[in-house]
């Protein structure tokens, strides 16, 4: 029984190696030859692609926003066209906001002021208890 299992493993190993090698060759061919051609075709065919809700949703989805995005923006299907730049900015900012300097860098690039005294006032105000008179 042990010999049979060993024989199967010996046969499977080269088959697995061959399959991995084939996948690697296919991936390299895709990256080096086919992908550039496919992307040129895609670029040509999207030259007149209009701004659309589908494009906005795809872009936001690619940025993997967390639940705070929905809290800040609401339902993407209801956001008016005039707010789409804000939606993209929020999604990008959320992506970079895990550290304060990341958010500050995005805000600076978009010329958005993040006055730290305003942030600090709100956080301390929210943590204080109302006075009892």
N, C-alpha and C. Protein backbone atom coordinates (compact mmCIF):
# COMPACT_ATOMS: atom_id res chain seq x y z
N UNK A 1 0.82 -1.20 0.00
CA UNK A 1 0.00 0.00 0.00
C UNK A 1 0.87 1.27 0.00
N UNK A 2 1.91 1.24 0.86
CA UNK A 2 2.82 2.38 0.93
C UNK A 2 3.54 2.60 -0.41
N UNK A 3 3.93 1.52 -1.04
CA UNK A 3 4.61 1.62 -2.34
C UNK A 3 3.70 2.20 -3.40
N UNK A 4 2.42 1.84 -3.37
CA UNK A 4 1.47 2.36 -4.36
C UNK A 4 1.29 3.88 -4.17
N UNK A 5 1.18 4.30 -2.91
CA UNK A 5 1.02 5.73 -2.62
C UNK A 5 2.26 6.49 -3.07
N UNK A 6 3.44 5.93 -2.81
CA UNK A 6 4.69 6.54 -3.22
C UNK A 6 4.76 6.65 -4.74
N UNK A 7 4.32 5.62 -5.44
CA UNK A 7 4.33 5.62 -6.90
C UNK A 7 3.40 6.71 -7.44
N UNK A 8 2.22 6.85 -6.83
CA UNK A 8 1.28 7.91 -7.25
C UNK A 8 1.89 9.29 -7.02
N UNK A 9 2.55 9.47 -5.87
CA UNK A 9 3.19 10.76 -5.59
C UNK A 9 4.30 11.05 -6.59
N UNK A 10 5.05 10.01 -6.94
CA UNK A 10 6.14 10.19 -7.91
C UNK A 10 5.60 10.58 -9.28
N UNK A 11 4.45 10.06 -9.66
CA UNK A 11 3.84 10.39 -10.95
C UNK A 11 3.21 11.78 -10.91
N UNK A 12 2.55 12.10 -9.78
CA UNK A 12 1.86 13.39 -9.66
C UNK A 12 2.82 14.58 -9.62
N UNK A 13 3.98 14.39 -9.04
CA UNK A 13 4.92 15.50 -8.88
C UNK A 13 5.33 16.10 -10.23
N UNK A 14 5.78 15.31 -11.20
CA UNK A 14 6.14 15.90 -12.50
C UNK A 14 4.93 16.52 -13.22
N UNK A 15 3.75 15.91 -13.04
CA UNK A 15 2.55 16.49 -13.67
C UNK A 15 2.24 17.86 -13.07
N UNK A 16 2.39 17.97 -11.76
CA UNK A 16 2.17 19.26 -11.10
C UNK A 16 3.20 20.29 -11.54
N UNK A 17 4.45 19.85 -11.64
CA UNK A 17 5.52 20.75 -12.11
C UNK A 17 5.26 21.21 -13.53
N UNK A 18 4.80 20.30 -14.38
CA UNK A 18 4.51 20.65 -15.77
C UNK A 18 3.34 21.64 -15.84
N UNK A 19 2.33 21.42 -15.03
CA UNK A 19 1.18 22.33 -15.02
C UNK A 19 1.61 23.72 -14.55
N UNK A 20 2.43 23.79 -13.50
CA UNK A 20 2.93 25.08 -13.01
C UNK A 20 3.77 25.77 -14.09
N UNK A 21 4.60 25.02 -14.76
CA UNK A 21 5.44 25.59 -15.82
C UNK A 21 4.58 26.14 -16.95
N UNK A 22 3.53 25.40 -17.32
CA UNK A 22 2.62 25.85 -18.38
C UNK A 22 1.91 27.14 -17.95
N UNK A 23 1.44 27.19 -16.71
CA UNK A 23 0.77 28.41 -16.21
C UNK A 23 1.73 29.59 -16.21
N UNK A 24 2.97 29.34 -15.82
CA UNK A 24 3.96 30.42 -15.80
C UNK A 24 4.25 30.92 -17.21
N UNK A 25 4.38 30.03 -18.16
CA UNK A 25 4.61 30.43 -19.56
C UNK A 25 3.42 31.22 -20.08
N UNK A 26 2.20 30.74 -19.79
CA UNK A 26 1.00 31.45 -20.21
C UNK A 26 0.94 32.85 -19.60
N UNK A 27 1.29 32.96 -18.31
CA UNK A 27 1.26 34.25 -17.63
C UNK A 27 2.29 35.20 -18.24
N UNK A 28 3.48 34.70 -18.52
CA UNK A 28 4.51 35.54 -19.13
C UNK A 28 4.11 35.99 -20.53
N UNK A 29 3.52 35.09 -21.30
CA UNK A 29 3.05 35.45 -22.65
C UNK A 29 1.96 36.51 -22.56
N UNK A 30 1.06 36.35 -21.59
CA UNK A 30 -0.01 37.34 -21.38
C UNK A 30 0.61 38.70 -21.08
N UNK A 31 1.52 38.75 -20.12
CA UNK A 31 2.11 40.02 -19.71
C UNK A 31 2.95 40.67 -20.81
N UNK A 32 3.73 39.89 -21.50
CA UNK A 32 4.67 40.46 -22.47
C UNK A 32 4.08 40.72 -23.85
N UNK A 33 3.15 39.87 -24.29
CA UNK A 33 2.65 39.99 -25.65
C UNK A 33 1.18 40.38 -25.73
N UNK A 34 0.34 39.61 -25.07
CA UNK A 34 -1.09 39.80 -25.24
C UNK A 34 -1.65 40.99 -24.46
N UNK A 35 -1.20 41.19 -23.23
CA UNK A 35 -1.72 42.28 -22.42
C UNK A 35 -1.52 43.64 -23.07
N UNK A 36 -0.32 43.96 -23.57
CA UNK A 36 -0.17 45.27 -24.23
C UNK A 36 -1.13 45.45 -25.40
N UNK A 37 -1.31 44.39 -26.21
CA UNK A 37 -2.25 44.48 -27.34
C UNK A 37 -3.68 44.66 -26.85
N UNK A 38 -4.06 43.88 -25.84
CA UNK A 38 -5.42 43.97 -25.30
C UNK A 38 -5.67 45.35 -24.70
N UNK A 39 -4.67 45.91 -24.02
CA UNK A 39 -4.84 47.23 -23.41
C UNK A 39 -4.89 48.35 -24.46
N UNK A 40 -4.13 48.19 -25.55
CA UNK A 40 -4.23 49.18 -26.64
C UNK A 40 -5.63 49.16 -27.25
N UNK A 41 -6.17 47.97 -27.46
CA UNK A 41 -7.52 47.84 -27.98
C UNK A 41 -8.53 48.45 -27.00
N UNK A 42 -8.36 48.13 -25.71
CA UNK A 42 -9.25 48.67 -24.68
C UNK A 42 -9.18 50.21 -24.67
N UNK A 43 -7.97 50.75 -24.74
CA UNK A 43 -7.80 52.21 -24.74
C UNK A 43 -8.48 52.84 -25.95
N UNK A 44 -8.33 52.22 -27.10
CA UNK A 44 -8.95 52.76 -28.31
C UNK A 44 -10.47 52.73 -28.21
N UNK A 45 -10.99 51.66 -27.68
CA UNK A 45 -12.45 51.51 -27.62
C UNK A 45 -13.09 52.28 -26.47
N UNK A 46 -12.28 52.77 -25.55
CA UNK A 46 -12.83 53.58 -24.46
C UNK A 46 -12.53 55.06 -24.64
N UNK A 47 -12.00 55.45 -25.79
CA UNK A 47 -11.62 56.84 -26.03
C UNK A 47 -12.80 57.80 -25.84
N UNK A 48 -13.98 57.35 -26.19
CA UNK A 48 -15.16 58.21 -26.07
C UNK A 48 -16.12 57.70 -25.00
N UNK A 49 -15.60 56.93 -24.06
CA UNK A 49 -16.41 56.41 -22.96
C UNK A 49 -16.92 57.58 -22.11
N UNK A 50 -18.21 57.71 -21.97
CA UNK A 50 -18.72 58.81 -21.16
C UNK A 50 -18.58 58.50 -19.67
N UNK A 51 -18.54 59.54 -18.89
CA UNK A 51 -18.55 59.37 -17.44
C UNK A 51 -19.91 58.77 -17.08
N UNK A 52 -19.89 57.70 -16.32
CA UNK A 52 -21.15 57.02 -16.01
C UNK A 52 -21.12 56.53 -14.57
N UNK A 53 -22.29 56.23 -14.07
CA UNK A 53 -22.41 55.68 -12.72
C UNK A 53 -21.68 54.33 -12.63
N UNK A 54 -21.73 53.55 -13.69
CA UNK A 54 -21.03 52.25 -13.70
C UNK A 54 -19.52 52.46 -13.55
N UNK A 55 -18.98 53.47 -14.21
CA UNK A 55 -17.56 53.77 -14.10
C UNK A 55 -17.22 54.26 -12.69
N UNK A 56 -18.05 55.12 -12.15
CA UNK A 56 -17.85 55.61 -10.78
C UNK A 56 -17.86 54.46 -9.79
N UNK A 57 -18.84 53.58 -9.92
CA UNK A 57 -18.95 52.45 -9.00
C UNK A 57 -17.75 51.51 -9.13
N UNK A 58 -17.28 51.30 -10.34
CA UNK A 58 -16.12 50.45 -10.56
C UNK A 58 -14.89 51.06 -9.90
N UNK A 59 -14.70 52.34 -10.08
CA UNK A 59 -13.56 53.03 -9.48
C UNK A 59 -13.60 52.94 -7.96
N UNK A 60 -14.74 53.22 -7.39
CA UNK A 60 -14.89 53.16 -5.92
C UNK A 60 -14.65 51.74 -5.43
N UNK A 61 -15.21 50.77 -6.14
CA UNK A 61 -15.04 49.37 -5.76
C UNK A 61 -13.57 48.97 -5.76
N UNK A 62 -12.81 49.46 -6.73
CA UNK A 62 -11.38 49.14 -6.83
C UNK A 62 -10.58 49.72 -5.68
N UNK A 63 -11.10 50.74 -5.01
CA UNK A 63 -10.40 51.36 -3.88
C UNK A 63 -10.73 50.71 -2.54
N UNK A 64 -11.63 49.76 -2.54
CA UNK A 64 -12.03 49.00 -1.34
C UNK A 64 -12.34 49.90 -0.14
N UNK A 65 -13.31 50.79 -0.26
CA UNK A 65 -13.62 51.64 0.90
C UNK A 65 -14.29 50.84 2.02
N UNK A 66 -14.15 51.34 3.24
CA UNK A 66 -14.77 50.66 4.37
C UNK A 66 -16.17 51.23 4.63
N UNK A 67 -16.76 50.85 5.74
CA UNK A 67 -18.12 51.28 6.05
C UNK A 67 -18.25 52.79 6.23
N UNK A 68 -17.18 53.44 6.59
CA UNK A 68 -17.21 54.89 6.74
C UNK A 68 -17.56 55.57 5.42
N UNK A 69 -17.19 54.96 4.31
CA UNK A 69 -17.51 55.52 2.99
C UNK A 69 -19.02 55.67 2.84
N UNK A 70 -19.76 54.62 3.15
CA UNK A 70 -21.22 54.68 3.03
C UNK A 70 -21.80 55.71 3.98
N UNK A 71 -21.22 55.83 5.16
CA UNK A 71 -21.69 56.83 6.12
C UNK A 71 -21.48 58.25 5.58
N UNK A 72 -20.35 58.47 4.93
CA UNK A 72 -20.03 59.80 4.41
C UNK A 72 -20.73 60.14 3.10
N UNK A 73 -20.89 59.14 2.24
CA UNK A 73 -21.40 59.38 0.89
C UNK A 73 -22.86 58.99 0.74
N UNK A 74 -23.24 57.91 1.39
CA UNK A 74 -24.59 57.37 1.21
C UNK A 74 -24.60 56.35 0.08
N UNK A 75 -25.76 56.11 -0.44
CA UNK A 75 -25.95 55.14 -1.51
C UNK A 75 -25.42 55.71 -2.83
N UNK A 76 -24.46 55.01 -3.43
CA UNK A 76 -23.87 55.50 -4.69
C UNK A 76 -24.91 55.66 -5.80
N UNK A 77 -25.95 54.86 -5.76
CA UNK A 77 -26.98 54.96 -6.79
C UNK A 77 -27.78 56.26 -6.68
N UNK A 78 -27.66 56.95 -5.57
CA UNK A 78 -28.42 58.19 -5.37
C UNK A 78 -27.57 59.44 -5.39
N UNK A 79 -26.27 59.29 -5.53
CA UNK A 79 -25.38 60.45 -5.53
C UNK A 79 -25.49 61.17 -6.87
N UNK A 80 -25.78 62.48 -6.86
CA UNK A 80 -25.90 63.22 -8.12
C UNK A 80 -24.55 63.41 -8.80
N UNK A 81 -24.57 63.57 -10.09
CA UNK A 81 -23.37 63.72 -10.91
C UNK A 81 -22.45 64.83 -10.38
N UNK A 82 -23.00 65.90 -9.92
CA UNK A 82 -22.18 67.03 -9.46
C UNK A 82 -21.32 66.66 -8.25
N UNK A 83 -21.66 65.59 -7.52
CA UNK A 83 -20.89 65.16 -6.34
C UNK A 83 -19.90 64.04 -6.65
N UNK A 84 -19.84 63.57 -7.89
CA UNK A 84 -18.95 62.45 -8.22
C UNK A 84 -17.49 62.75 -7.93
N UNK A 85 -16.98 63.96 -8.21
CA UNK A 85 -15.59 64.23 -7.83
C UNK A 85 -15.36 64.10 -6.32
N UNK A 86 -16.32 64.55 -5.54
CA UNK A 86 -16.22 64.42 -4.09
C UNK A 86 -16.20 62.95 -3.68
N UNK A 87 -17.03 62.14 -4.31
CA UNK A 87 -17.09 60.71 -4.01
C UNK A 87 -15.74 60.05 -4.27
N UNK A 88 -15.13 60.37 -5.40
CA UNK A 88 -13.82 59.80 -5.74
C UNK A 88 -12.78 60.28 -4.73
N UNK A 89 -12.81 61.56 -4.40
CA UNK A 89 -11.86 62.10 -3.43
C UNK A 89 -12.01 61.42 -2.07
N UNK A 90 -13.22 61.19 -1.63
CA UNK A 90 -13.45 60.53 -0.35
C UNK A 90 -12.94 59.10 -0.39
N UNK A 91 -13.21 58.39 -1.47
CA UNK A 91 -12.75 57.00 -1.59
C UNK A 91 -11.23 56.93 -1.56
N UNK A 92 -10.56 57.83 -2.27
CA UNK A 92 -9.10 57.85 -2.28
C UNK A 92 -8.58 58.23 -0.90
N UNK A 93 -9.19 59.23 -0.29
CA UNK A 93 -8.75 59.66 1.05
C UNK A 93 -8.92 58.53 2.07
N UNK A 94 -10.03 57.82 1.99
CA UNK A 94 -10.23 56.69 2.91
C UNK A 94 -9.14 55.64 2.72
N UNK A 95 -8.77 55.41 1.50
CA UNK A 95 -7.75 54.41 1.20
C UNK A 95 -6.41 54.78 1.86
N UNK A 96 -6.15 56.08 1.98
CA UNK A 96 -4.88 56.55 2.51
C UNK A 96 -4.97 57.09 3.94
N UNK A 97 -6.12 56.95 4.57
CA UNK A 97 -6.33 57.61 5.87
C UNK A 97 -6.02 56.74 7.08
N UNK A 98 -5.42 55.59 6.89
CA UNK A 98 -5.12 54.73 8.05
C UNK A 98 -4.04 55.35 8.93
N UNK A 99 -3.29 56.26 8.34
CA UNK A 99 -2.32 57.04 9.12
C UNK A 99 -2.59 58.51 8.85
N UNK A 100 -2.39 59.33 9.84
CA UNK A 100 -2.67 60.76 9.72
C UNK A 100 -1.87 61.39 8.58
N UNK A 101 -0.60 61.02 8.43
CA UNK A 101 0.21 61.62 7.37
C UNK A 101 -0.27 61.21 5.98
N UNK A 102 -0.87 60.03 5.86
CA UNK A 102 -1.43 59.60 4.57
C UNK A 102 -2.60 60.46 4.16
N UNK A 103 -3.49 60.72 5.09
CA UNK A 103 -4.64 61.59 4.82
C UNK A 103 -4.18 63.01 4.54
N UNK A 104 -3.21 63.49 5.33
CA UNK A 104 -2.69 64.85 5.12
C UNK A 104 -2.08 65.00 3.73
N UNK A 105 -1.36 63.97 3.27
CA UNK A 105 -0.73 64.02 1.95
C UNK A 105 -1.79 64.11 0.84
N UNK A 106 -2.86 63.31 0.96
CA UNK A 106 -3.94 63.35 -0.04
C UNK A 106 -4.65 64.70 0.00
N UNK A 107 -4.93 65.19 1.18
CA UNK A 107 -5.60 66.48 1.31
C UNK A 107 -4.76 67.59 0.67
N UNK A 108 -3.46 67.55 0.92
CA UNK A 108 -2.56 68.55 0.34
C UNK A 108 -2.58 68.48 -1.19
N UNK A 109 -2.54 67.27 -1.74
CA UNK A 109 -2.54 67.13 -3.21
C UNK A 109 -3.83 67.62 -3.84
N UNK A 110 -4.94 67.49 -3.10
CA UNK A 110 -6.24 67.94 -3.61
C UNK A 110 -6.59 69.36 -3.15
N UNK A 111 -5.65 70.01 -2.47
CA UNK A 111 -5.86 71.37 -1.96
C UNK A 111 -7.06 71.44 -1.03
N UNK A 112 -7.17 70.46 -0.15
CA UNK A 112 -8.24 70.42 0.85
C UNK A 112 -7.61 70.71 2.20
N UNK A 113 -8.15 71.71 2.89
CA UNK A 113 -7.60 72.08 4.19
C UNK A 113 -8.09 71.11 5.27
N UNK A 114 -7.16 70.64 6.06
CA UNK A 114 -7.49 69.82 7.22
C UNK A 114 -6.92 70.53 8.45
N UNK A 115 -7.60 71.55 8.88
CA UNK A 115 -7.13 72.29 10.05
C UNK A 115 -7.16 71.37 11.27
N UNK A 116 -6.01 71.10 11.83
CA UNK A 116 -5.94 70.15 12.94
C UNK A 116 -6.63 70.64 14.19
N UNK A 117 -6.67 71.95 14.41
CA UNK A 117 -7.37 72.45 15.60
C UNK A 117 -8.86 72.12 15.53
N UNK A 118 -9.44 72.09 14.33
CA UNK A 118 -10.84 71.71 14.17
C UNK A 118 -11.03 70.24 14.50
N UNK A 119 -10.11 69.40 14.05
CA UNK A 119 -10.19 67.98 14.37
C UNK A 119 -10.06 67.75 15.86
N UNK A 120 -9.12 68.44 16.48
CA UNK A 120 -8.91 68.27 17.92
C UNK A 120 -10.07 68.78 18.74
N UNK A 121 -10.67 69.92 18.33
CA UNK A 121 -11.81 70.46 19.07
C UNK A 121 -12.97 69.47 19.07
N UNK A 122 -13.27 68.91 17.94
CA UNK A 122 -14.39 67.97 17.86
C UNK A 122 -14.14 66.73 18.68
N UNK A 123 -12.89 66.22 18.67
CA UNK A 123 -12.62 65.00 19.40
C UNK A 123 -12.65 65.25 20.90
N UNK A 124 -12.19 66.42 21.36
CA UNK A 124 -12.23 66.67 22.80
C UNK A 124 -13.64 67.04 23.24
N UNK A 125 -14.36 67.72 22.40
CA UNK A 125 -15.73 68.05 22.74
C UNK A 125 -16.58 66.79 22.86
N UNK A 126 -16.36 65.83 21.98
CA UNK A 126 -17.13 64.62 22.02
C UNK A 126 -16.82 63.76 23.22
N UNK A 127 -15.62 63.90 23.81
CA UNK A 127 -15.23 63.08 24.93
C UNK A 127 -15.57 63.69 26.27
N UNK A 128 -15.94 64.96 26.29
CA UNK A 128 -16.25 65.61 27.58
C UNK A 128 -17.69 65.35 27.93
N UNK A 129 -17.95 65.27 29.21
CA UNK A 129 -19.32 65.07 29.68
C UNK A 129 -20.00 66.41 29.83
N UNK A 130 -21.28 66.47 29.55
CA UNK A 130 -21.98 67.74 29.73
C UNK A 130 -22.00 68.11 31.22
N UNK A 131 -21.96 69.40 31.45
CA UNK A 131 -21.97 69.83 32.85
C UNK A 131 -23.35 69.61 33.45
N UNK A 132 -23.34 69.34 34.75
CA UNK A 132 -24.62 69.17 35.46
C UNK A 132 -24.85 70.40 36.32
N UNK A 133 -25.90 71.08 36.09
CA UNK A 133 -26.19 72.30 36.85
C UNK A 133 -27.35 72.09 37.76
